[in-house]
C-alpha atoms as a PDB file:
ATOM      1  CA  UNK A   1       0.000   0.000   0.000  1.00  0.00           C
ATOM      2  CA  UNK A   2       1.361   3.401  -0.983  1.00  0.00           C
ATOM      3  CA  UNK A   3       1.149   6.163   1.601  1.00  0.00           C
ATOM      4  CA  UNK A   4       0.614   9.840   0.785  1.00  0.00           C
ATOM      5  CA  UNK A   5       0.194  12.989   2.851  1.00  0.00           C
ATOM      6  CA  UNK A   6      -2.999  14.961   2.326  1.00  0.00           C
ATOM      7  CA  UNK A   7      -2.510  18.110   0.274  1.00  0.00           C
ATOM      8  CA  UNK A   8      -4.318  21.324   1.154  1.00  0.00           C
ATOM      9  CA  UNK A   9      -5.371  21.998  -2.442  1.00  0.00           C
ATOM     10  CA  UNK A  10      -8.952  20.752  -3.010  1.00  0.00           C
ATOM     11  CA  UNK A  11      -9.512  18.794  -6.189  1.00  0.00           C
ATOM     12  CA  UNK A  12     -12.940  19.045  -7.856  1.00  0.00           C
ATOM     13  CA  UNK A  13     -14.650  15.848  -8.863  1.00  0.00           C
ATOM     14  CA  UNK A  14     -14.144  15.160 -12.542  1.00  0.00           C
ATOM     15  CA  UNK A  15     -16.447  12.623 -14.159  1.00  0.00           C
ATOM     16  CA  UNK A  16     -15.488  11.761 -17.704  1.00  0.00           C
ATOM     17  CA  UNK A  17     -17.211   9.280 -19.988  1.00  0.00           C
ATOM     18  CA  UNK A  18     -14.568   6.975 -21.398  1.00  0.00           C
ATOM     19  CA  UNK A  19     -14.774   4.840 -24.493  1.00  0.00           C
ATOM     20  CA  UNK A  20     -14.861   1.077 -24.146  1.00  0.00           C
ATOM     21  CA  UNK A  21     -16.100  -1.590 -26.498  1.00  0.00           C
ATOM     22  CA  UNK A  22     -17.032  -5.200 -25.925  1.00  0.00           C
ATOM     23  CA  UNK A  23     -15.431  -7.114 -23.050  1.00  0.00           C
ATOM     24  CA  UNK A  24     -12.084  -5.296 -23.303  1.00  0.00           C
ATOM     25  CA  UNK A  25     -10.634  -6.565 -19.818  1.00  0.00           C
ATOM     26  CA  UNK A  26      -5.197  -1.856 -14.312  1.00  0.00           C
ATOM     27  CA  UNK A  27      -2.020  -0.523 -14.278  1.00  0.00           C
ATOM     28  CA  UNK A  28       0.514  -3.239 -13.804  1.00  0.00           C
ATOM     29  CA  UNK A  29      -1.361  -5.130 -11.101  1.00  0.00           C
ATOM     30  CA  UNK A  30      -0.918  -8.890 -11.041  1.00  0.00           C
ATOM     31  CA  UNK A  31      -3.895 -11.246 -11.202  1.00  0.00           C
ATOM     32  CA  UNK A  32      -5.530 -11.861  -7.846  1.00  0.00           C
ATOM     33  CA  UNK A  33      -4.328 -15.456  -8.035  1.00  0.00           C
ATOM     34  CA  UNK A  34      -4.832 -18.356 -10.399  1.00  0.00           C
ATOM     35  CA  UNK A  35      -7.445 -20.702  -8.960  1.00  0.00           C
ATOM     36  CA  UNK A  36      -7.615 -24.426  -9.562  1.00  0.00           C
ATOM     37  CA  UNK A  37     -10.126 -25.056 -12.385  1.00  0.00           C
ATOM     38  CA  UNK A  38     -13.236 -26.828 -11.163  1.00  0.00           C
ATOM     39  CA  UNK A  39     -12.801 -25.644  -7.578  1.00  0.00           C
ATOM     40  CA  UNK A  40     -14.218 -22.749  -5.598  1.00  0.00           C
ATOM     41  CA  UNK A  41     -11.416 -20.734  -4.041  1.00  0.00           C
ATOM     42  CA  UNK A  42     -11.225 -17.501  -2.058  1.00  0.00           C
ATOM     43  CA  UNK A  43      -8.957 -14.834  -3.457  1.00  0.00           C
ATOM     44  CA  UNK A  44      -6.300 -13.634  -1.067  1.00  0.00           C
ATOM     45  CA  UNK A  45      -7.383 -10.753   1.162  1.00  0.00           C
ATOM     46  CA  UNK A  46      -4.582 -10.111   3.696  1.00  0.00           C
ATOM     47  CA  UNK A  47      -6.392  -7.270   5.477  1.00  0.00           C
ATOM     48  CA  UNK A  48      -9.522  -5.192   5.307  1.00  0.00           C
ATOM     49  CA  UNK A  49      -7.425  -2.064   4.816  1.00  0.00           C
ATOM     50  CA  UNK A  50      -5.171  -3.261   1.997  1.00  0.00           C
ATOM     51  CA  UNK A  51      -6.544  -6.223   0.016  1.00  0.00           C
ATOM     52  CA  UNK A  52      -4.427  -7.851  -2.640  1.00  0.00           C
ATOM     53  CA  UNK A  53      -4.816  -6.376  -6.093  1.00  0.00           C
ATOM     54  CA  UNK A  54      -7.344  -8.435  -7.986  1.00  0.00           C
ATOM     55  CA  UNK A  55     -10.965  -9.536  -7.949  1.00  0.00           C
ATOM     56  CA  UNK A  56     -13.117  -8.695  -4.913  1.00  0.00           C
ATOM     57  CA  UNK A  57     -16.760  -8.103  -4.186  1.00  0.00           C
ATOM     58  CA  UNK A  58     -18.515  -5.090  -2.690  1.00  0.00           C
ATOM     59  CA  UNK A  59     -19.169  -5.800   0.983  1.00  0.00           C
ATOM     60  CA  UNK A  60     -21.533  -2.905   1.760  1.00  0.00           C
ATOM     61  CA  UNK A  61     -25.080  -2.143   0.571  1.00  0.00           C
ATOM     62  CA  UNK A  62     -24.050   0.526  -1.934  1.00  0.00           C
ATOM     63  CA  UNK A  63     -21.157   2.828  -2.645  1.00  0.00           C
ATOM     64  CA  UNK A  64     -20.374   5.677  -5.006  1.00  0.00           C
ATOM     65  CA  UNK A  65     -17.221   5.313  -7.066  1.00  0.00           C
ATOM     66  CA  UNK A  66     -15.658   8.738  -7.380  1.00  0.00           C
ATOM     67  CA  UNK A  67     -12.617  10.745  -6.453  1.00  0.00           C
ATOM     68  CA  UNK A  68     -10.617  10.445  -3.244  1.00  0.00           C
ATOM     69  CA  UNK A  69      -9.985  13.643  -1.264  1.00  0.00           C
ATOM     70  CA  UNK A  70      -6.407  14.177  -2.352  1.00  0.00           C
ATOM     71  CA  UNK A  71      -4.585  15.726  -5.270  1.00  0.00           C
ATOM     72  CA  UNK A  72      -1.915  13.767  -7.148  1.00  0.00           C
ATOM     73  CA  UNK A  73      -0.596  14.379 -10.642  1.00  0.00           C
ATOM     74  CA  UNK A  74      -0.712  10.685 -11.574  1.00  0.00           C
ATOM     75  CA  UNK A  75      -4.338  10.194 -10.521  1.00  0.00           C
ATOM     76  CA  UNK A  76      -6.389  11.318 -13.484  1.00  0.00           C
ATOM     77  CA  UNK A  77      -9.877  10.987 -14.916  1.00  0.00           C
ATOM     78  CA  UNK A  78     -12.549   8.899 -13.260  1.00  0.00           C
ATOM     79  CA  UNK A  79     -15.992   7.711 -14.278  1.00  0.00           C
ATOM     80  CA  UNK A  80     -18.384   8.133 -11.372  1.00  0.00           C
ATOM     81  CA  UNK A  81     -21.082   5.551 -10.698  1.00  0.00           C
ATOM     82  CA  UNK A  82     -22.799   3.521  -8.007  1.00  0.00           C
ATOM     83  CA  UNK A  83     -21.830  -0.031  -7.114  1.00  0.00           C
ATOM     84  CA  UNK A  84     -23.878  -2.381  -4.924  1.00  0.00           C
ATOM     85  CA  UNK A  85     -23.263  -5.188  -2.456  1.00  0.00           C
ATOM     86  CA  UNK A  86     -22.156  -8.452  -4.034  1.00  0.00           C
ATOM     87  CA  UNK A  87     -21.001  -6.862  -7.283  1.00  0.00           C
ATOM     88  CA  UNK A  88     -17.465  -7.623  -8.407  1.00  0.00           C
ATOM     89  CA  UNK A  89     -14.724  -5.022  -8.630  1.00  0.00           C
ATOM     90  CA  UNK A  90     -11.085  -5.269  -9.570  1.00  0.00           C
ATOM     91  CA  UNK A  91      -8.851  -3.510  -7.043  1.00  0.00           C
ATOM     92  CA  UNK A  92      -5.957  -1.902  -8.897  1.00  0.00           C
ATOM     93  CA  UNK A  93      -4.162  -0.278  -5.993  1.00  0.00           C
ATOM     94  CA  UNK A  94      -4.597   1.022  -2.445  1.00  0.00           C
ATOM     95  CA  UNK A  95      -3.256   4.283  -1.028  1.00  0.00           C
ATOM     96  CA  UNK A  96      -3.181   5.646   2.509  1.00  0.00           C
ATOM     97  CA  UNK A  97      -4.139   9.278   3.123  1.00  0.00           C
ATOM     98  CA  UNK A  98      -3.459  10.400   6.683  1.00  0.00           C
ATOM     99  CA  UNK A  99      -4.183   6.915   7.977  1.00  0.00           C
ATOM    100  CA  UNK A 100      -7.298   6.397   5.828  1.00  0.00           C
ATOM    101  CA  UNK A 101      -7.084   3.789   3.066  1.00  0.00           C
ATOM    102  CA  UNK A 102      -8.624   4.243  -0.390  1.00  0.00           C
ATOM    103  CA  UNK A 103      -8.968   1.658  -3.166  1.00  0.00           C
ATOM    104  CA  UNK A 104      -8.777   2.400  -6.881  1.00  0.00           C
ATOM    105  CA  UNK A 105     -11.352   0.040  -8.419  1.00  0.00           C
ATOM    106  CA  UNK A 106     -12.876  -0.863 -11.764  1.00  0.00           C
ATOM    107  CA  UNK A 107     -16.400  -2.219 -11.519  1.00  0.00           C
ATOM    108  CA  UNK A 108     -17.702  -5.248 -13.395  1.00  0.00           C
ATOM    109  CA  UNK A 109     -20.961  -3.360 -13.971  1.00  0.00           C
ATOM    110  CA  UNK A 110     -21.458  -1.612 -17.290  1.00  0.00           C
ATOM    111  CA  UNK A 111     -23.545   1.581 -16.925  1.00  0.00           C
ATOM    112  CA  UNK A 112     -24.005   1.820 -20.684  1.00  0.00           C
ATOM    113  CA  UNK A 113     -22.431   0.668 -23.902  1.00  0.00           C
ATOM    114  CA  UNK A 114     -19.178   2.492 -23.218  1.00  0.00           C
ATOM    115  CA  UNK A 115     -18.997   3.260 -19.487  1.00  0.00           C
ATOM    116  CA  UNK A 116     -18.224   1.449 -16.251  1.00  0.00           C
ATOM    117  CA  UNK A 117     -17.644   2.843 -12.747  1.00  0.00           C
ATOM    118  CA  UNK A 118     -13.922   3.475 -12.312  1.00  0.00           C
ATOM    119  CA  UNK A 119     -12.364   5.488  -9.521  1.00  0.00           C
ATOM    120  CA  UNK A 120     -11.772   5.593  -5.792  1.00  0.00           C
ATOM    121  CA  UNK A 121     -13.737   4.160  -2.868  1.00  0.00           C
ATOM    122  CA  UNK A 122     -12.905   4.310   0.844  1.00  0.00           C
ATOM    123  CA  UNK A 123     -11.578   1.078   2.303  1.00  0.00           C
ATOM    124  CA  UNK A 124     -13.983   1.443   5.260  1.00  0.00           C
ATOM    125  CA  UNK A 125     -17.497   2.902   5.329  1.00  0.00           C
ATOM    126  CA  UNK A 126     -19.712   2.950   8.410  1.00  0.00           C
ATOM    127  CA  UNK A 127     -17.094   0.992  10.300  1.00  0.00           C
ATOM    128  CA  UNK A 128     -17.088  -1.927   7.817  1.00  0.00           C
ATOM    129  CA  UNK A 129     -14.676  -2.826   5.007  1.00  0.00           C
ATOM    130  CA  UNK A 130     -16.112  -1.909   1.612  1.00  0.00           C
ATOM    131  CA  UNK A 131     -14.644  -4.880  -0.275  1.00  0.00           C
ATOM    132  CA  UNK A 132     -13.986  -8.462   0.692  1.00  0.00           C
ATOM    133  CA  UNK A 133     -12.568 -11.648  -0.755  1.00  0.00           C
ATOM    134  CA  UNK A 134     -14.880 -13.435  -3.149  1.00  0.00           C
ATOM    135  CA  UNK A 135     -15.405 -17.033  -4.134  1.00  0.00           C
ATOM    136  CA  UNK A 136     -15.337 -17.805  -7.840  1.00  0.00           C
ATOM    137  CA  UNK A 137     -15.872 -21.291  -9.198  1.00  0.00           C
ATOM    138  CA  UNK A 138     -13.464 -21.791 -12.084  1.00  0.00           C
ATOM    139  CA  UNK A 139     -14.825 -24.321 -14.598  1.00  0.00           C
ATOM    140  CA  UNK A 140     -12.267 -26.754 -16.033  1.00  0.00           C
ATOM    141  CA  UNK A 141     -11.361 -26.361 -19.726  1.00  0.00           C
ATOM    142  CA  UNK A 142     -12.381 -26.959 -22.444  1.00  0.00           C
ATOM    143  CA  UNK A 143     -14.932 -24.240 -21.760  1.00  0.00           C
ATOM    144  CA  UNK A 144     -18.277 -23.781 -23.469  1.00  0.00           C
ATOM    145  CA  UNK A 145     -19.009 -20.136 -24.212  1.00  0.00           C
ATOM    146  CA  UNK A 146     -21.665 -19.876 -21.504  1.00  0.00           C
ATOM    147  CA  UNK A 147     -19.159 -20.896 -18.811  1.00  0.00           C
ATOM    148  CA  UNK A 148     -16.752 -18.131 -19.795  1.00  0.00           C
ATOM    149  CA  UNK A 149     -19.544 -15.576 -20.056  1.00  0.00           C
ATOM    150  CA  UNK A 150     -20.722 -16.598 -16.587  1.00  0.00           C
ATOM    151  CA  UNK A 151     -17.382 -15.598 -15.071  1.00  0.00           C
ATOM    152  CA  UNK A 152     -18.014 -11.919 -15.876  1.00  0.00           C
ATOM    153  CA  UNK A 153     -15.568  -9.383 -17.221  1.00  0.00           C
ATOM    154  CA  UNK A 154     -12.769 -10.196 -14.757  1.00  0.00           C
ATOM    155  CA  UNK A 155     -13.384 -13.843 -13.848  1.00  0.00           C
ATOM    156  CA  UNK A 156     -11.364 -15.311 -16.695  1.00  0.00           C
ATOM    157  CA  UNK A 157      -8.304 -13.303 -15.697  1.00  0.00           C
ATOM    158  CA  UNK A 158      -8.784 -14.159 -12.000  1.00  0.00           C
ATOM    159  CA  UNK A 159      -9.283 -17.866 -12.681  1.00  0.00           C
ATOM    160  CA  UNK A 160      -6.698 -18.684 -15.332  1.00  0.00           C
ATOM    161  CA  UNK A 161      -4.134 -15.878 -15.315  1.00  0.00           C
ATOM    162  CA  UNK A 162      -2.050 -16.242 -18.477  1.00  0.00           C
ATOM    163  CA  UNK A 163      -2.357 -20.052 -18.723  1.00  0.00           C
ATOM    164  CA  UNK A 164      -3.516 -21.625 -21.984  1.00  0.00           C
ATOM    165  CA  UNK A 165      -7.249 -22.316 -21.995  1.00  0.00           C
ATOM    166  CA  UNK A 166      -9.396 -24.153 -24.543  1.00  0.00           C
ATOM    167  CA  UNK A 167     -12.747 -22.667 -25.581  1.00  0.00           C
ATOM    168  CA  UNK A 168     -15.474 -24.289 -27.695  1.00  0.00           C
ATOM    169  CA  UNK A 169     -17.698 -22.031 -29.779  1.00  0.00           C
ATOM    170  CA  UNK A 170     -19.140 -20.852 -33.073  1.00  0.00           C
ATOM    171  CA  UNK A 171     -17.781 -17.983 -35.146  1.00  0.00           C
ATOM    172  CA  UNK A 172     -18.331 -15.581 -36.850  1.00  0.00           C
ATOM    173  CA  UNK A 173     -21.573 -14.220 -35.461  1.00  0.00           C
ATOM    174  CA  UNK A 174     -22.041 -11.630 -38.194  1.00  0.00           C
ATOM    175  CA  UNK A 175     -20.264  -8.989 -40.185  1.00  0.00           C
ATOM    176  CA  UNK A 176     -20.854  -5.456 -41.341  1.00  0.00           C
ATOM    177  CA  UNK A 177     -19.743  -1.854 -40.992  1.00  0.00           C
ATOM    178  CA  UNK A 178     -20.126   0.596 -38.154  1.00  0.00           C
ATOM    179  CA  UNK A 179     -18.745   3.753 -36.649  1.00  0.00           C
ATOM    180  CA  UNK A 180     -17.183   4.692 -33.328  1.00  0.00           C
ATOM    181  CA  UNK A 181     -15.251   7.588 -31.839  1.00  0.00           C
ATOM    182  CA  UNK A 182     -13.106   5.128 -29.890  1.00  0.00           C
ATOM    183  CA  UNK A 183      -9.565   4.247 -30.906  1.00  0.00           C
ATOM    184  CA  UNK A 184      -7.168   1.901 -29.199  1.00  0.00           C
ATOM    185  CA  UNK A 185      -3.683   0.508 -29.606  1.00  0.00           C
ATOM    186  CA  UNK A 186      -2.224  -1.945 -30.293  1.00  0.00           C
ATOM    187  CA  UNK A 187      -4.871  -2.441 -32.954  1.00  0.00           C
ATOM    188  CA  UNK A 188      -5.026  -6.237 -32.779  1.00  0.00           C
ATOM    189  CA  UNK A 189      -5.587  -6.255 -28.994  1.00  0.00           C
ATOM    190  CA  UNK A 190      -7.353  -2.960 -28.372  1.00  0.00           C
ATOM    191  CA  UNK A 191      -8.793  -1.890 -31.716  1.00  0.00           C
ATOM    192  CA  UNK A 192     -12.484  -1.112 -32.102  1.00  0.00           C
ATOM    193  CA  UNK A 193     -13.258  -3.557 -34.905  1.00  0.00           C
ATOM    194  CA  UNK A 194     -10.594  -6.239 -34.430  1.00  0.00           C
ATOM    195  CA  UNK A 195     -12.536  -8.518 -32.105  1.00  0.00           C
ATOM    196  CA  UNK A 196     -13.748 -12.058 -32.768  1.00  0.00           C
ATOM    197  CA  UNK A 197     -17.346 -12.797 -31.799  1.00  0.00           C
ATOM    198  CA  UNK A 198     -17.795 -16.365 -30.487  1.00  0.00           C
ATOM    199  CA  UNK A 199     -21.222 -17.779 -29.673  1.00  0.00           C
ATOM    200  CA  UNK A 200     -22.692 -20.844 -28.010  1.00  0.00           C
ATOM    201  CA  UNK A 201     -24.773 -21.677 -31.067  1.00  0.00           C
ATOM    202  CA  UNK A 202     -25.049 -20.923 -34.770  1.00  0.00           C
ATOM    203  CA  UNK A 203     -27.003 -17.703 -35.432  1.00  0.00           C
ATOM    204  CA  UNK A 204     -30.337 -18.571 -37.022  1.00  0.00           C
ATOM    205  CA  UNK A 205     -33.195 -16.612 -38.572  1.00  0.00           C
ATOM    206  CA  UNK A 206     -35.251 -14.627 -37.991  1.00  0.00           C
ATOM    207  CA  UNK A 207     -33.224 -12.651 -35.422  1.00  0.00           C
ATOM    208  CA  UNK A 208     -29.769 -14.280 -35.903  1.00  0.00           C
ATOM    209  CA  UNK A 209     -29.069 -13.831 -32.211  1.00  0.00           C
ATOM    210  CA  UNK A 210     -27.346 -16.256 -29.868  1.00  0.00           C
ATOM    211  CA  UNK A 211     -28.053 -16.882 -26.198  1.00  0.00           C
ATOM    212  CA  UNK A 212     -24.441 -16.399 -25.099  1.00  0.00           C
ATOM    213  CA  UNK A 213     -21.625 -14.617 -26.915  1.00  0.00           C
ATOM    214  CA  UNK A 214     -18.034 -13.855 -26.004  1.00  0.00           C
ATOM    215  CA  UNK A 215     -15.659 -11.219 -27.355  1.00  0.00           C
ATOM    216  CA  UNK A 216     -12.123 -12.412 -28.082  1.00  0.00           C
ATOM    217  CA  UNK A 217      -9.030 -11.234 -29.967  1.00  0.00           C
ATOM    218  CA  UNK A 218      -6.785 -12.999 -32.434  1.00  0.00           C
ATOM    219  CA  UNK A 219      -3.050 -12.936 -31.682  1.00  0.00           C
ATOM    220  CA  UNK A 220      -0.777 -11.769 -34.522  1.00  0.00           C
ATOM    221  CA  UNK A 221      -0.244 -14.710 -36.859  1.00  0.00           C
ATOM    222  CA  UNK A 222      -3.218 -16.696 -35.580  1.00  0.00           C
ATOM    223  CA  UNK A 223      -5.599 -17.846 -38.314  1.00  0.00           C
ATOM    224  CA  UNK A 224      -9.045 -17.236 -36.903  1.00  0.00           C
ATOM    225  CA  UNK A 225     -12.248 -16.909 -38.959  1.00  0.00           C
ATOM    226  CA  UNK A 226     -13.790 -13.562 -38.113  1.00  0.00           C
ATOM    227  CA  UNK A 227     -15.595 -10.703 -39.770  1.00  0.00           C
ATOM    228  CA  UNK A 228     -17.239 -12.151 -42.874  1.00  0.00           C
ATOM    229  CA  UNK A 229     -15.152 -15.333 -42.922  1.00  0.00           C
ATOM    230  CA  UNK A 230     -16.352 -18.933 -43.247  1.00  0.00           C
ATOM    231  CA  UNK A 231     -18.616 -19.779 -40.282  1.00  0.00           C
ATOM    232  CA  UNK A 232     -18.279 -22.900 -38.191  1.00  0.00           C
ATOM    233  CA  UNK A 233     -17.581 -24.580 -34.852  1.00  0.00           C
ATOM    234  CA  UNK A 234     -14.056 -24.391 -33.472  1.00  0.00           C
ATOM    235  CA  UNK A 235     -11.889 -25.453 -30.589  1.00  0.00           C
ATOM    236  CA  UNK A 236      -9.957 -22.313 -29.689  1.00  0.00           C
ATOM    237  CA  UNK A 237      -6.749 -22.190 -27.670  1.00  0.00           C
ATOM    238  CA  UNK A 238      -5.948 -18.903 -26.044  1.00  0.00           C
ATOM    239  CA  UNK A 239      -5.077 -17.010 -22.870  1.00  0.00           C
ATOM    240  CA  UNK A 240      -5.825 -13.950 -20.791  1.00  0.00           C
ATOM    241  CA  UNK A 241      -3.235 -11.450 -19.523  1.00  0.00           C
ATOM    242  CA  UNK A 242      -1.386 -11.170 -22.828  1.00  0.00           C
ATOM    243  CA  UNK A 243       2.194  -9.793 -22.593  1.00  0.00           C
ATOM    244  CA  UNK A 244       1.162  -6.892 -24.868  1.00  0.00           C
ATOM    245  CA  UNK A 245      -1.504  -5.643 -22.417  1.00  0.00           C
ATOM    246  CA  UNK A 246       0.792  -3.122 -20.644  1.00  0.00           C
ATOM    247  CA  UNK A 247       1.147  -1.264 -23.965  1.00  0.00           C
ATOM    248  CA  UNK A 248      -2.607  -0.711 -24.383  1.00  0.00           C
ATOM    249  CA  UNK A 249      -3.824   2.871 -24.743  1.00  0.00           C
ATOM    250  CA  UNK A 250      -7.384   4.074 -25.433  1.00  0.00           C
ATOM    251  CA  UNK A 251      -8.985   7.388 -26.316  1.00  0.00           C
ATOM    252  CA  UNK A 252     -12.107   9.032 -27.711  1.00  0.00           C
ATOM    253  CA  UNK A 253     -11.792  11.265 -30.750  1.00  0.00           C
ATOM    254  CA  UNK A 254     -13.219  14.353 -29.083  1.00  0.00           C
ATOM    255  CA  UNK A 255     -11.893  17.906 -28.833  1.00  0.00           C
ATOM    256  CA  UNK A 256      -9.727  17.740 -26.859  1.00  0.00           C
ATOM    257  CA  UNK A 257      -9.280  13.940 -27.014  1.00  0.00           C
ATOM    258  CA  UNK A 258     -10.467  12.037 -23.932  1.00  0.00           C
ATOM    259  CA  UNK A 259      -7.729   9.610 -22.919  1.00  0.00           C
ATOM    260  CA  UNK A 260      -8.667   6.596 -20.822  1.00  0.00           C
ATOM    261  CA  UNK A 261      -6.679   6.201 -17.619  1.00  0.00           C
ATOM    262  CA  UNK A 262      -3.744   3.951 -18.535  1.00  0.00           C
ATOM    263  CA  UNK A 263      -4.333   1.646 -15.562  1.00  0.00           C
ATOM    264  CA  UNK A 264      -7.888   0.935 -16.683  1.00  0.00           C
ATOM    265  CA  UNK A 265      -6.898   0.543 -20.326  1.00  0.00           C
ATOM    266  CA  UNK A 266      -4.243  -2.001 -19.367  1.00  0.00           C
ATOM    267  CA  UNK A 267      -6.634  -3.925 -17.097  1.00  0.00           C
ATOM    268  CA  UNK A 268      -9.246  -4.206 -19.822  1.00  0.00           C
ATOM    269  CA  UNK A 269      -6.644  -5.539 -22.242  1.00  0.00           C
ATOM    270  CA  UNK A 270      -5.513  -8.061 -19.631  1.00  0.00           C
ATOM    271  CA  UNK A 271      -9.085  -9.388 -19.499  1.00  0.00           C
ATOM    272  CA  UNK A 272      -9.175 -10.018 -23.264  1.00  0.00           C
ATOM    273  CA  UNK A 273      -9.170 -13.672 -24.320  1.00  0.00           C
ATOM    274  CA  UNK A 274      -6.396 -13.853 -26.938  1.00  0.00           C
ATOM    275  CA  UNK A 275      -6.751 -16.693 -29.447  1.00  0.00           C
ATOM    276  CA  UNK A 276      -3.529 -18.350 -30.574  1.00  0.00           C
ATOM    277  CA  UNK A 277      -5.022 -21.354 -32.410  1.00  0.00           C
ATOM    278  CA  UNK A 278      -8.386 -22.344 -33.901  1.00  0.00           C
ATOM    279  CA  UNK A 279      -9.158 -25.935 -34.939  1.00  0.00           C
ATOM    280  CA  UNK A 280     -12.307 -26.505 -36.999  1.00  0.00           C
ATOM    281  CA  UNK A 281     -14.795 -29.051 -35.634  1.00  0.00           C
ATOM    282  CA  UNK A 282     -17.041 -31.160 -37.865  1.00  0.00           C
ATOM    283  CA  UNK A 283     -20.110 -30.427 -35.747  1.00  0.00           C
ATOM    284  CA  UNK A 284     -21.290 -28.710 -32.601  1.00  0.00           C
ATOM    285  CA  UNK A 285     -19.411 -30.074 -29.543  1.00  0.00           C
END
């Protein structure tokens, strides 16, 4: 836990809408711990004041994610929003301000297509810790799409770290053109239109929707059918926490440009499932 002295210069709350797309899942924090697939395990939580960086759950009824009462040059834009008891958050770091601990968190709750609560929360509210260790059951690979979707935005990273994982699914789910003010680098990992949509069934008329879908990325050199490519069932091999994640940067093309906090941009890239191999299957698994 990093300790800072309170500054006497008040800092106004700054709430900025940041651009995100799909599941694109914090600084340089390490995963909260790789759990044994198929088992339910508690993530490490050494103290209520300074939990390990990683996946936790909100331990109070509700809490507003916002800005801590201190002024530091390296603590930049936030996206304010409410989080509720039982919801998952990823703790990126903890700081101490005059003996009071604050957590920088990214919520697993999307407020809209492009926003999620990201900012500071007190470590203690009303005499109780605001976050606690959480139990996540990590299904053993190969994973059907619905199992990976069920882990939420951060569960894959918490469960499997950067280990190779097999995923069974159908792709592509559709193709077409669109527009967005968001831009991200590197393009293959953080681009707006470079994702691979994987579903738990073949899209069928009249709505061509699937019950469960997962957003993945193709590693450079990996041959993965995406976009308007040949559809089919595949056994994918991939991983979370790709080594390129620390280089991820994201911004919105506004005037002036809105740059996503680097720690959040990196976390979201760490949560991306990166495909390294795709083997066609003759039929649905």
